[in-house]
Protein backbone atom coordinates (compact mmCIF):
# COMPACT_ATOMS: atom_id res chain seq x y z
CA MET A 1 -0.44 11.20 5.48
CA ALA A 2 -0.30 11.39 1.82
CA GLY A 3 2.48 13.08 -1.21
CA VAL A 4 4.45 12.13 -3.36
CA ASP A 5 6.48 8.55 -3.96
CA ARG A 6 9.77 8.28 -3.39
CA THR A 7 12.72 5.51 -1.84
CA GLY A 8 13.36 5.41 2.19
CA LEU A 9 10.29 8.00 2.78
CA LEU A 10 8.25 4.95 4.78
CA ALA A 11 12.00 5.36 7.35
CA ASP A 12 12.72 8.87 7.08
CA VAL A 13 8.56 9.52 8.28
CA LEU A 14 9.76 6.38 11.03
CA LYS A 15 12.84 8.40 12.30
CA LEU A 16 10.87 11.86 12.36
CA LEU A 17 8.21 10.33 14.94
CA THR A 18 10.47 7.91 16.94
CA ILE A 19 13.00 10.82 17.36
CA ASN A 20 10.06 12.81 18.11
CA GLY A 21 9.56 10.68 21.85
CA CYS A 22 6.14 9.17 19.35
CA ASP A 23 6.35 5.00 20.05
CA VAL A 24 4.92 3.92 17.16
CA ARG A 25 2.67 1.07 17.20
CA SER A 26 2.01 0.03 13.33
CA ALA A 27 1.71 1.75 9.97
CA ALA A 28 0.05 0.81 6.10
CA VAL A 29 1.85 2.30 3.12
CA TRP A 30 0.22 1.86 0.17
CA THR A 31 1.63 3.55 -3.50
CA TYR A 32 0.33 3.72 -7.39
CA SER A 33 1.47 6.24 -9.83
CA GLY A 34 4.30 8.05 -8.01
CA ARG A 35 2.14 8.79 -4.99
CA VAL A 36 2.08 7.09 -1.54
CA ALA A 37 -0.76 7.15 1.27
CA PHE A 38 0.60 6.70 4.93
CA VAL A 39 -1.79 6.11 7.95
CA VAL A 40 0.33 5.48 11.19
CA SER A 41 -0.74 4.96 14.39
CA VAL A 42 1.40 6.03 17.62
CA VAL A 43 1.36 6.84 21.23
CA GLU A 44 2.96 9.33 23.82
CA GLY A 45 6.59 7.47 24.12
CA CYS A 46 6.33 4.85 25.57
CA GLY A 47 2.64 4.14 26.81
CA GLN A 48 -0.96 4.05 25.63
CA GLN A 49 -1.73 7.56 25.60
CA PRO A 50 -2.32 9.41 21.94
CA VAL A 51 0.27 12.31 21.72
CA ARG A 52 -1.40 15.43 23.88
CA ASP A 53 0.90 18.12 23.44
CA ALA A 54 -0.81 20.53 20.84
CA SER A 55 2.94 22.33 20.04
CA LYS A 56 3.57 19.20 19.95
CA LEU A 57 1.01 17.89 16.88
CA HIS A 58 1.97 21.32 14.75
CA ARG A 59 5.55 21.47 15.11
CA LEU A 60 5.15 16.96 14.22
CA LYS A 61 2.57 18.17 11.70
CA GLN A 62 5.14 21.22 10.18
CA LEU A 63 7.99 18.75 9.13
CA LEU A 64 5.42 16.01 7.73
CA HIS A 65 4.18 17.95 5.64
CA GLN A 66 8.46 18.77 3.72
CA MET A 67 8.47 15.42 4.32
CA MET A 68 5.92 14.05 2.17
CA ASP A 69 5.71 16.64 -0.14
CA ALA A 70 8.74 20.06 -0.25
CA PHE A 71 6.20 22.07 -2.01
CA GLY A 72 3.36 21.62 1.22
CA ASN A 73 1.09 20.03 -1.54
CA GLY A 74 1.09 16.77 0.76
CA ILE A 75 -1.84 15.33 3.21
CA VAL A 76 -0.80 15.66 6.50
CA SER A 77 -3.39 15.11 9.49
CA ALA A 78 -3.51 13.93 13.39
CA GLN A 79 -6.39 13.20 14.88
CA PRO A 80 -7.18 10.79 18.50
CA VAL A 81 -8.87 7.42 17.71
CA LYS A 82 -10.25 4.66 19.69
CA GLY A 83 -10.69 1.34 18.94
CA LEU A 84 -9.66 -0.56 15.38
CA ILE A 85 -7.99 1.36 12.65
CA HIS A 86 -10.13 0.51 9.29
CA TYR A 87 -6.44 0.63 7.76
CA GLU A 88 -7.48 -0.23 3.96
CA ARG A 89 -10.40 2.61 3.99
CA ARG A 90 -8.06 5.19 5.21
CA LEU A 91 -5.51 4.85 2.50
CA HIS A 92 -8.13 4.91 -0.07
CA GLN A 93 -9.64 7.96 0.99
CA LEU A 94 -6.19 8.85 0.83
CA MET A 95 -5.16 7.82 -2.20
CA LEU A 96 -8.02 9.25 -3.83
CA LYS A 97 -7.89 12.92 -2.29
CA GLU A 98 -4.42 12.45 -4.38
CA GLU A 99 -5.78 11.68 -6.90
CA GLU A 100 -7.63 13.97 -7.37
CA LYS A 101 -5.33 16.73 -7.44
CA GLU A 102 -3.72 14.54 -10.20
CA TRP A 103 -7.16 15.22 -11.76
CA ILE A 104 -7.04 19.85 -11.37
CA ARG A 105 -3.69 19.30 -12.90
CA ASN A 106 -4.20 17.25 -16.06
CA LYS A 107 -8.49 16.95 -15.89
CA GLU A 108 -7.21 18.07 -20.18
CA ALA A 109 -4.79 15.70 -20.82
CA ILE A 110 -6.80 12.96 -19.43
CA LEU A 111 -10.15 13.32 -21.24
CA LEU A 112 -8.81 13.28 -24.45
CA ARG A 113 -7.16 9.56 -23.56
CA ALA A 114 -10.75 8.71 -22.03
CA GLY A 115 -12.33 8.31 -26.34
CA ILE A 116 -9.47 5.16 -26.13
CA TYR A 117 -10.46 1.72 -25.95
CA SER A 118 -8.35 0.33 -22.75
CA PRO A 119 -8.38 -3.19 -23.28
CA ALA A 120 -9.17 -5.59 -20.10
CA SER A 121 -5.42 -6.35 -19.88
CA ILE A 122 -4.51 -2.74 -19.61
CA ARG A 123 -7.17 -1.74 -16.81
CA PRO A 124 -10.51 -1.92 -15.92
CA ASP A 125 -13.24 -2.03 -18.19
CA VAL A 126 -15.25 1.08 -16.72
CA THR A 127 -18.51 2.84 -18.96
CA ILE A 128 -21.08 5.56 -17.63
CA GLN A 129 -24.12 5.76 -19.05
CA HIS A 130 -27.44 8.41 -18.46
CA TYR A 131 -30.66 5.78 -17.94
CA SER A 132 -32.15 9.48 -18.53
CA HIS A 133 -36.14 8.72 -18.56
CA LEU A 134 -35.29 7.35 -14.79
CA ASN A 135 -32.62 10.24 -14.49
CA TYR A 136 -29.79 7.28 -13.39
CA TRP A 137 -26.58 7.05 -13.56
CA LEU A 138 -25.16 2.86 -14.82
CA VAL A 139 -22.02 2.29 -13.95
CA THR A 140 -20.91 -0.99 -15.38
CA ILE A 141 -16.99 -2.33 -14.59
CA ARG A 142 -15.64 -5.52 -16.05
CA CYS A 143 -12.58 -6.39 -14.66
CA LYS A 144 -10.58 -9.89 -13.01
CA ASP A 145 -12.78 -10.61 -10.08
CA ARG A 146 -10.78 -10.46 -6.50
CA ASN A 147 -10.55 -10.62 -3.17
CA LYS A 148 -12.21 -7.54 -1.54
CA LEU A 149 -13.70 -6.09 -5.24
CA PHE A 150 -16.78 -4.97 -4.39
CA PHE A 151 -15.68 -3.34 -1.21
CA ASP A 152 -12.96 -0.80 -3.63
CA THR A 153 -15.41 -0.14 -6.03
CA VAL A 154 -18.41 0.90 -3.33
CA CYS A 155 -15.56 3.24 -1.35
CA THR A 156 -15.33 5.17 -4.34
CA LEU A 157 -18.08 5.33 -5.57
CA SER A 158 -19.32 7.13 -1.61
CA ASP A 159 -16.05 9.10 -1.30
CA LEU A 160 -16.35 10.61 -4.15
CA ASN A 161 -20.18 11.54 -3.38
CA TYR A 162 -22.42 9.51 -5.63
CA ASP A 163 -25.79 6.87 -3.39
CA VAL A 164 -26.04 3.55 -4.64
CA TYR A 165 -29.75 2.93 -5.52
CA HIS A 166 -29.53 -0.34 -7.44
CA GLY A 167 -26.90 -2.71 -8.32
CA ALA A 168 -26.14 -6.42 -9.13
CA ILE A 169 -22.91 -7.71 -9.08
CA ASP A 170 -22.17 -11.33 -11.60
CA SER A 171 -19.17 -13.81 -12.57
CA GLU A 172 -18.18 -15.54 -15.64
CA GLY A 173 -15.28 -17.65 -15.06
CA GLU A 174 -12.69 -14.34 -13.76
CA ILE A 175 -14.56 -12.08 -14.82
CA ALA A 176 -16.58 -9.23 -12.40
CA ILE A 177 -19.11 -7.62 -13.24
CA GLN A 178 -20.89 -4.87 -11.46
CA LEU A 179 -23.63 -3.13 -12.20
CA TYR A 180 -24.48 -0.16 -10.55
CA TYR A 181 -27.35 2.87 -11.17
CA ILE A 182 -26.08 5.99 -8.92
CA ARG A 183 -27.35 9.40 -8.84
CA PRO A 184 -25.26 12.67 -7.44
CA ARG A 185 -25.89 13.72 -4.11
CA PHE A 186 -25.25 16.80 -4.01
CA GLY A 187 -26.68 18.68 -7.63
CA ASP A 188 -28.58 18.09 -10.12
CA PHE A 189 -28.54 15.20 -11.41
CA PHE A 190 -28.73 16.07 -15.63
CA TRP A 191 -25.71 14.09 -17.41
CA ASP A 192 -22.17 15.72 -17.19
CA SER A 193 -19.91 14.03 -19.85
CA VAL A 194 -16.98 16.10 -17.34
CA LYS A 195 -17.94 14.14 -14.23
CA ALA A 196 -18.42 10.86 -16.20
CA THR A 197 -14.99 10.69 -16.83
CA LYS A 198 -13.68 12.22 -13.12
CA LEU A 199 -16.01 8.86 -12.25
CA ARG A 200 -13.81 6.05 -14.60
CA VAL A 201 -11.08 7.62 -13.96
CA MET A 202 -10.93 7.06 -10.58
CA LEU A 203 -12.58 3.51 -10.74
CA GLU A 204 -9.82 2.03 -12.36
CA ALA A 205 -7.80 3.89 -9.79
CA ALA A 206 -9.36 2.49 -6.97
CA ILE A 207 -9.53 -1.15 -8.25
CA GLN A 208 -5.74 -1.12 -9.69
CA ARG A 209 -4.59 0.37 -7.00
CA ARG A 210 -5.03 -3.17 -4.63
CA PHE A 211 -2.41 -4.52 -6.56
CA PRO A 212 1.39 -4.57 -5.82
CA LYS A 213 4.07 -4.21 -6.77
CA GLY A 214 7.39 -6.72 -7.04
CA LEU A 215 9.10 -9.37 -3.97
CA LYS A 216 6.74 -10.09 -0.56
CA VAL A 217 8.83 -9.52 2.53
CA ARG A 218 6.96 -11.34 5.42
CA SER A 219 7.80 -10.27 8.76
CA ARG A 220 7.48 -11.56 12.35
CA ALA A 221 9.67 -10.17 15.16
CA VAL A 222 10.70 -9.77 19.11
CA LEU A 223 11.08 -5.47 19.37
CA ARG A 224 11.83 -3.55 21.03
CA ALA A 225 9.88 0.04 20.24
CA SER A 226 12.67 1.79 18.85
CA ARG A 227 13.05 -1.01 16.42
CA LEU A 228 10.43 -0.82 14.31
CA CYS A 229 12.92 2.60 12.75
CA ASP A 230 15.85 0.41 12.15
CA LEU A 231 14.32 -2.60 10.10
CA THR A 232 12.46 -0.21 7.92
CA ALA A 233 16.03 2.27 7.85
CA ALA A 234 17.29 -1.41 6.45
CA TRP A 235 14.64 -1.23 3.39
CA LYS A 236 16.23 2.12 2.93
CA ASP A 237 19.62 1.80 2.68
CA ALA A 238 19.93 -1.34 0.55
CA GLY A 239 18.38 1.07 -2.20
CA LEU A 240 14.73 -1.09 -1.67
CA TRP A 241 11.14 1.09 -2.74
CA ILE A 242 8.82 0.11 -0.27
CA THR A 243 5.88 -0.33 -2.88
CA ARG A 244 3.54 -1.06 0.03
CA ALA A 245 3.81 -2.08 3.64
CA LYS A 246 1.37 -3.52 7.49
CA VAL A 247 3.81 -3.15 9.70
CA ARG A 248 2.99 -3.87 13.62
CA ALA A 249 5.83 -3.06 16.55
CA TYR A 250 3.90 -5.70 18.44
CA GLY A 251 1.58 -8.78 18.90
CA ASP A 252 1.84 -11.61 17.29
CA HIS A 253 0.64 -10.24 13.79
CA GLY A 254 4.10 -9.78 12.35
CA HIS A 255 5.50 -7.66 9.10
CA THR A 256 4.30 -7.16 5.61
CA LEU A 257 6.62 -5.05 2.49
CA TYR A 258 6.85 -5.47 -0.91
CA VAL A 259 10.26 -4.47 -2.21
CA MET A 260 11.26 -3.04 -5.63
CA ASP A 261 14.93 -1.50 -6.77
CA ARG A 262 14.88 2.36 -7.25
CA ASP A 263 14.29 1.38 -10.89
CA GLY A 264 11.15 -0.27 -10.46
CA GLN A 265 12.77 -3.77 -11.10
CA PRO A 266 12.34 -6.83 -8.88
CA PRO A 267 15.12 -6.81 -6.37
CA ASP A 268 18.38 -9.42 -7.08
CA PRO A 269 17.68 -11.71 -3.92
CA ARG A 270 21.50 -10.78 -2.68
CA LYS A 271 20.60 -7.42 -2.15
CA VAL A 272 17.78 -8.39 -0.16
CA GLN A 273 19.27 -10.93 2.02
CA SER A 274 21.64 -7.97 2.86
CA ALA A 275 19.19 -5.80 3.77
CA CYS A 276 17.87 -9.14 5.99
CA GLN A 277 21.46 -9.57 7.84
CA ALA A 278 21.18 -6.03 8.18
CA GLY A 279 17.54 -6.52 10.31
CA GLY A 280 19.13 -9.55 11.25
CA GLY A 281 18.42 -12.88 9.69
CA LYS A 282 18.94 -14.18 6.16
CA LEU A 283 17.67 -14.71 3.04
CA GLN A 284 17.51 -18.15 2.19
CA GLY A 285 16.51 -20.01 -1.63
CA PRO A 286 13.06 -22.30 -1.50
CA GLN A 287 14.79 -25.37 -1.45
CA ASP A 288 18.68 -26.46 0.11
CA GLY A 289 21.35 -25.76 -2.40
CA LEU A 290 19.57 -23.25 -4.42
CA PRO A 291 21.40 -20.26 -5.42
CA LEU A 292 20.90 -17.00 -4.31
CA GLY A 293 21.70 -15.60 -7.66
CA VAL A 294 18.22 -17.11 -9.42
CA SER A 295 16.88 -14.43 -11.49
CA PRO A 296 13.57 -13.00 -9.04
CA SER A 297 11.82 -13.91 -12.24
CA THR A 298 12.10 -17.72 -12.32
CA VAL A 299 11.56 -17.67 -8.40
CA ASN A 300 8.14 -18.24 -6.84
CA VAL A 301 8.53 -18.54 -3.12
CA LEU A 302 12.61 -17.82 -1.56
CA GLY A 303 12.43 -19.79 0.92
CA THR A 304 12.10 -18.54 4.66
CA ALA A 305 14.65 -17.44 7.39
CA ALA A 306 15.60 -16.75 10.78
CA ALA A 307 18.07 -14.93 13.09
CA ALA A 308 17.80 -14.89 17.38
CA VAL A 309 20.66 -13.74 19.60
CA GLY A 310 20.75 -16.35 22.36
CA SER A 311 18.07 -18.52 22.12
CA LYS A 312 18.81 -21.96 21.66
CA ALA A 313 16.28 -22.66 18.65
CA ALA A 314 17.19 -21.07 16.07
CA GLN A 315 21.07 -21.90 16.43
CA GLN A 316 19.79 -25.66 16.50
CA GLY A 317 16.77 -24.59 14.41
CA GLU A 318 17.75 -25.39 10.31
CA ALA A 319 16.85 -22.07 9.12
CA GLY A 320 18.05 -20.83 12.11
CA VAL A 321 21.91 -18.37 11.94
CA VAL A 322 23.00 -16.22 14.47
CA VAL A 323 24.17 -13.14 13.49
CA PRO A 324 26.44 -11.32 15.41
CA GLY A 325 25.44 -7.56 17.66
CA ALA A 326 21.06 -8.43 16.46
CA GLY A 327 18.70 -7.96 18.53
CA ALA A 328 15.97 -9.18 18.23
CA LYS A 329 14.43 -12.31 16.45
CA PHE A 330 13.11 -12.01 12.59
CA PHE A 331 11.30 -14.83 11.06
CA TYR A 332 11.19 -13.91 7.02
CA MET A 333 8.69 -14.90 4.26
CA LEU A 334 8.88 -13.99 1.15
CA GLN A 335 7.33 -14.17 -1.98
CA GLN A 336 7.53 -13.05 -5.45
CA ARG A 337 4.49 -10.69 -7.49
CA VAL A 338 5.39 -9.71 -11.02
CA TRP A 339 3.04 -7.89 -12.53
CA ASP A 340 2.30 -6.03 -15.29
CA GLY A 341 0.13 -2.87 -14.59
CA SER A 342 -2.73 -5.59 -15.20
CA PRO A 343 -5.00 -6.80 -12.97
CA SER A 344 -5.56 -9.74 -15.02
CA SER A 345 -1.73 -9.96 -15.14
CA PHE A 346 -1.99 -10.87 -11.65
CA THR A 347 -1.52 -14.31 -9.43
CA SER A 348 -3.09 -14.97 -6.96
CA LEU A 349 -0.25 -16.25 -3.20
């Protein structure tokens, strides 16, 4: 699924699937520039089989279309799969479709900005040239080096139907340099400045959307099937915007979420604590006695917390706290990431 982003959308999607008899096994979310993409794995009820009822799938797709975009411009698809799902590959494809729709709507405005120099502190430096004597397009990318940079770049080139004939990758300190000799997969190979500008814009977006914003929340839980829906609902009720997430209902992998306030600012730790308590946990500072009112920008690691009902280990542990009425065991790890929109300002964990 893909469409217009808004606060609480992940909770609404999981709730809709749950009340319609779907067991949500896992979900991954990316957001960028006001758009959002979801990849959700569900099975029928509490079994292990995919949803095979065609009428039910059709109804769910209609409801999700309305939820993703009120004007019907969202993307919703459903298909059975076997084996593991490569979430990042599919999220790249969904986000690219959303950005191509934005290109169609605002191409003229984007072209007017094409000649403006963009410093490395604002976005990656992507240039595209044409070698007429060899009939290649040369793509040069300079940006901050990081994990999966090559994956993000090559996926975008492939999804935009460009074939890579030669390539070179190097680094200078923290700066990565990529060079690709490419040709359009379909049509002629002649130079097209509009297509080159679109390719540059899509590559810049693919590199930048990898960087999440906000407070990183890691949780490990022993959950019943419907608890994943309740967990995301707690963040929605607290007014927290999930900018990125990877959640699993079962297994030992746990969940990873990035949350922001509704206004796009790092959330107050007290608000995050309230959401943790609603989900069965309690937020604590990185050191004993650290007040929860400390500004998020001054706190790097906000610490861990755990809660369990009927668990002697949690009752006796230093970070343990029993929350009346909680029905699951949670373990939270939170870390602050402050990002101004540029790869150069990103600090690795």
